[in-house]
Amino acid sequence: MSATTRLLLVRHGETLANREFRYIGTRDDELSEQGQLQAEALAEALSILPVAAVYSSPRRRACDTAAPIAERHHLDVQLLPELVESSFGAWEGMSRAEVLARSPEDEQLLRAWEANPEIAPPGGESFAAVRERVVGAVERLTQSHEDQTIVLVSHVGPIKVLLSVALGAPLTSLFQIFLDPATISVVDWRQTRPTVRLVNSHAHLGWERARWM
């Protein structure tokens, strides 16, 4: 049986733009006050697990979520550029509704982007490109952390891409996965067949904090 690395996939805590469901992308938004509280709740929830390393996207919202988690385990946060959110190009800062209303061309491109992972927003990055960089990074990490548990603090796009890949689902399925801020998903990653064990857990935040409730 091939070696397994348990990935604790953590979406960063809330930012103000998350409340409006905006495409944040490469922007370096900071955590909201609620997001800071969520980061502490994440740290508490993960403190009982045997975490060997904490990796984070370099974006401030991810780093500030990762810091208390790493501190609980007496570890340093290791920055991993491959974990950054996908670039939404000209759509960054906009909501889906605003993109659809922007122009007929934007509406057509957005619908094509949602149907084809090879298509990118104007000046942005396709989900196929996100898959290449994120899966490549995970496969390198699993070689360094065989039979260990590691935390990856990232963004909604890369985490949903990893979940889709682990499930053997097409990348377009990521539009059918919902992830709240500061939630935990778990994948046991192995070369032969990854296993998805948990998706969008917000038990540490409480049911009333789930945006879909």
Protein backbone atom coordinates (compact mmCIF):
# COMPACT_ATOMS: atom_id res chain seq x y z
CA MET A 1 0.00 0.00 0.00
CA SER A 2 1.38 3.42 -0.94
CA ALA A 3 2.29 5.98 1.70
CA THR A 4 -0.47 8.39 2.73
CA THR A 5 -0.26 12.05 3.69
CA ARG A 6 -3.27 13.49 5.46
CA LEU A 7 -4.03 16.97 4.13
CA LEU A 8 -5.99 19.29 6.40
CA LEU A 9 -7.23 21.79 3.84
CA VAL A 10 -8.15 25.04 5.57
CA ARG A 11 -9.88 27.89 3.81
CA HIS A 12 -8.72 31.23 5.23
CA GLY A 13 -10.95 33.19 7.58
CA GLU A 14 -13.50 35.73 6.45
CA THR A 15 -12.61 38.98 4.74
CA LEU A 16 -15.11 41.77 4.19
CA ALA A 17 -15.23 40.98 0.46
CA ASN A 18 -16.18 37.37 1.24
CA ARG A 19 -19.43 38.61 2.75
CA GLU A 20 -20.44 39.90 -0.67
CA PHE A 21 -19.18 36.82 -2.54
CA ARG A 22 -16.65 38.82 -4.55
CA TYR A 23 -13.81 37.40 -6.63
CA ILE A 24 -10.82 38.39 -4.49
CA GLY A 25 -8.13 36.50 -6.37
CA THR A 26 -4.66 38.06 -6.16
CA ARG A 27 -5.79 40.93 -3.92
CA ASP A 28 -4.21 40.95 -0.46
CA ASP A 29 -7.28 41.60 1.67
CA GLU A 30 -6.92 41.26 5.41
CA LEU A 31 -9.13 39.23 7.71
CA SER A 32 -12.23 40.88 9.09
CA GLU A 33 -12.75 40.94 12.85
CA GLN A 34 -14.91 37.85 12.41
CA GLY A 35 -12.15 36.25 10.35
CA GLN A 36 -9.64 36.76 13.16
CA LEU A 37 -11.98 35.02 15.59
CA GLN A 38 -12.40 32.19 13.10
CA ALA A 39 -8.62 31.78 12.88
CA GLU A 40 -8.44 31.29 16.64
CA ALA A 41 -11.29 28.77 16.52
CA LEU A 42 -9.45 26.86 13.79
CA ALA A 43 -6.29 26.80 15.89
CA GLU A 44 -8.19 25.40 18.84
CA ALA A 45 -9.93 22.76 16.73
CA LEU A 46 -6.71 21.55 15.12
CA SER A 47 -4.61 21.72 18.29
CA ILE A 48 -5.35 18.10 19.24
CA LEU A 49 -4.16 16.68 15.91
CA PRO A 50 -0.60 15.44 15.20
CA VAL A 51 0.33 18.18 12.74
CA ALA A 52 3.84 17.87 11.30
CA ALA A 53 3.89 21.10 9.26
CA VAL A 54 1.78 24.14 8.40
CA TYR A 55 1.93 25.53 4.87
CA SER A 56 0.18 28.69 3.72
CA SER A 57 -0.53 30.80 0.70
CA PRO A 58 1.52 34.01 0.97
CA ARG A 59 -1.62 36.17 0.91
CA ARG A 60 -2.21 38.00 4.19
CA ARG A 61 -5.66 36.51 4.76
CA ALA A 62 -4.16 33.02 4.59
CA CYS A 63 -1.01 33.79 6.60
CA ASP A 64 -3.03 35.36 9.39
CA THR A 65 -5.23 32.27 9.48
CA ALA A 66 -2.23 29.92 9.51
CA ALA A 67 -0.26 31.74 12.23
CA PRO A 68 -2.33 30.70 15.30
CA ILE A 69 -2.57 27.13 13.97
CA ALA A 70 1.21 26.88 13.67
CA GLU A 71 1.73 28.53 17.05
CA ARG A 72 -0.37 25.87 18.80
CA HIS A 73 1.93 23.21 17.36
CA HIS A 74 5.17 25.14 17.97
CA LEU A 75 5.79 25.28 14.24
CA ASP A 76 6.64 28.01 11.76
CA VAL A 77 4.30 28.86 8.90
CA GLN A 78 5.96 27.81 5.65
CA LEU A 79 4.87 29.93 2.69
CA LEU A 80 3.95 28.07 -0.46
CA PRO A 81 3.22 30.30 -3.48
CA GLU A 82 1.42 27.46 -5.27
CA LEU A 83 -1.41 27.75 -2.73
CA VAL A 84 -2.45 31.26 -3.82
CA GLU A 85 -5.95 31.88 -5.10
CA SER A 86 -6.50 31.82 -8.83
CA SER A 87 -6.24 35.15 -10.58
CA PHE A 88 -9.57 36.52 -11.77
CA GLY A 89 -7.92 39.23 -13.84
CA ALA A 90 -10.30 42.04 -14.79
CA TRP A 91 -13.05 40.50 -12.64
CA GLU A 92 -11.22 40.85 -9.33
CA GLY A 93 -13.25 42.74 -6.76
CA MET A 94 -16.49 42.02 -8.59
CA SER A 95 -19.32 39.67 -7.75
CA ARG A 96 -20.68 37.16 -10.24
CA ALA A 97 -23.79 39.30 -10.72
CA GLU A 98 -21.64 42.35 -11.47
CA VAL A 99 -19.61 40.45 -14.05
CA LEU A 100 -22.78 39.23 -15.76
CA ALA A 101 -24.07 42.82 -15.90
CA ARG A 102 -20.77 44.32 -17.03
CA SER A 103 -21.16 43.57 -20.74
CA PRO A 104 -22.51 40.88 -23.08
CA GLU A 105 -18.92 39.82 -23.73
CA ASP A 106 -18.23 39.37 -20.02
CA GLU A 107 -21.44 37.39 -19.58
CA GLN A 108 -20.52 35.09 -22.43
CA LEU A 109 -16.97 34.60 -21.15
CA LEU A 110 -18.08 33.95 -17.57
CA ARG A 111 -20.49 31.24 -18.66
CA ALA A 112 -17.79 29.69 -20.85
CA TRP A 113 -15.31 29.86 -17.93
CA GLU A 114 -17.76 28.02 -15.68
CA ALA A 115 -18.17 25.28 -18.29
CA ASN A 116 -14.58 24.85 -19.48
CA PRO A 117 -11.60 24.69 -17.07
CA GLU A 118 -9.21 25.60 -19.88
CA ILE A 119 -10.79 29.07 -20.19
CA ALA A 120 -9.53 31.94 -18.00
CA PRO A 121 -11.11 35.25 -16.99
CA PRO A 122 -9.73 38.22 -18.97
CA GLY A 123 -6.13 38.59 -17.84
CA GLY A 124 -6.62 35.81 -15.28
CA GLU A 125 -5.86 32.13 -14.72
CA SER A 126 -7.75 29.03 -15.79
CA PHE A 127 -8.67 26.29 -13.34
CA ALA A 128 -6.63 23.87 -15.44
CA ALA A 129 -3.57 26.01 -14.65
CA VAL A 130 -4.54 26.08 -10.96
CA ARG A 131 -4.78 22.28 -10.97
CA GLU A 132 -1.30 21.95 -12.46
CA ARG A 133 0.40 24.12 -9.86
CA VAL A 134 -1.57 22.97 -6.82
CA VAL A 135 -1.44 19.24 -7.51
CA GLY A 136 2.25 19.51 -8.37
CA ALA A 137 2.91 21.18 -5.02
CA VAL A 138 0.88 18.59 -3.10
CA GLU A 139 2.69 15.71 -4.74
CA ARG A 140 6.04 17.23 -3.76
CA LEU A 141 4.83 17.75 -0.19
CA THR A 142 3.60 14.19 0.13
CA GLN A 143 7.08 12.93 -0.68
CA SER A 144 8.44 14.97 2.23
CA HIS A 145 5.61 14.06 4.62
CA GLU A 146 4.89 10.38 4.09
CA ASP A 147 2.44 9.06 6.67
CA GLN A 148 2.17 12.48 8.33
CA THR A 149 -0.57 15.07 8.78
CA ILE A 150 -0.01 18.55 7.37
CA VAL A 151 -2.09 21.71 7.24
CA LEU A 152 -2.50 23.64 3.99
CA VAL A 153 -4.09 27.07 4.45
CA SER A 154 -5.32 28.25 1.09
CA HIS A 155 -8.28 29.72 -0.76
CA VAL A 156 -11.58 28.48 -2.07
CA GLY A 157 -10.36 27.85 -5.64
CA PRO A 158 -7.27 25.71 -4.94
CA ILE A 159 -9.04 23.72 -2.23
CA LYS A 160 -12.01 22.92 -4.46
CA VAL A 161 -9.60 21.93 -7.24
CA LEU A 162 -7.86 19.49 -4.89
CA LEU A 163 -11.19 18.06 -3.76
CA SER A 164 -12.28 17.57 -7.37
CA VAL A 165 -9.02 15.85 -8.25
CA ALA A 166 -9.18 13.62 -5.17
CA LEU A 167 -12.74 12.61 -6.08
CA GLY A 168 -11.78 11.89 -9.67
CA ALA A 169 -14.40 14.42 -10.74
CA PRO A 170 -14.15 16.88 -13.65
CA LEU A 171 -12.88 20.32 -12.71
CA THR A 172 -16.24 21.82 -13.58
CA SER A 173 -17.56 20.08 -10.45
CA LEU A 174 -15.84 22.70 -8.31
CA PHE A 175 -18.80 24.98 -9.04
CA GLN A 176 -20.94 22.36 -7.27
CA ILE A 177 -18.85 22.45 -4.07
CA PHE A 178 -19.47 25.15 -1.46
CA LEU A 179 -16.80 26.11 1.05
CA ASP A 180 -17.41 28.55 3.88
CA PRO A 181 -14.57 30.74 5.19
CA ALA A 182 -12.43 29.11 7.91
CA THR A 183 -13.69 25.61 7.22
CA ILE A 184 -11.75 22.35 7.20
CA SER A 185 -11.68 19.69 4.50
CA VAL A 186 -9.61 16.52 4.83
CA VAL A 187 -8.02 14.40 2.11
CA ASP A 188 -5.82 11.36 2.62
CA TRP A 189 -3.53 11.81 -0.37
CA ARG A 190 -1.81 8.82 -1.90
CA GLN A 191 -0.60 8.15 -5.41
CA THR A 192 -2.92 5.22 -6.03
CA ARG A 193 -6.24 6.67 -4.87
CA PRO A 194 -6.84 9.72 -2.64
CA THR A 195 -9.68 9.53 -0.13
CA VAL A 196 -11.84 12.52 0.74
CA ARG A 197 -12.75 12.26 4.44
CA LEU A 198 -14.33 15.64 5.20
CA VAL A 199 -15.63 18.63 3.26
CA ASN A 200 -16.50 22.13 4.50
CA SER A 201 -16.55 21.28 8.22
CA HIS A 202 -17.45 24.26 10.35
CA ALA A 203 -18.18 22.32 13.54
CA HIS A 204 -15.61 24.49 15.34
CA LEU A 205 -17.53 27.62 14.30
CA GLY A 206 -21.06 26.44 15.09
CA TRP A 207 -24.02 25.73 12.82
CA GLU A 208 -25.28 29.29 13.06
CA ARG A 209 -22.09 30.52 11.38
CA ALA A 210 -22.63 28.54 8.19
CA ARG A 211 -23.61 30.85 5.35
CA TRP A 212 -25.84 28.24 3.74
CA MET A 213 -28.04 27.76 6.81
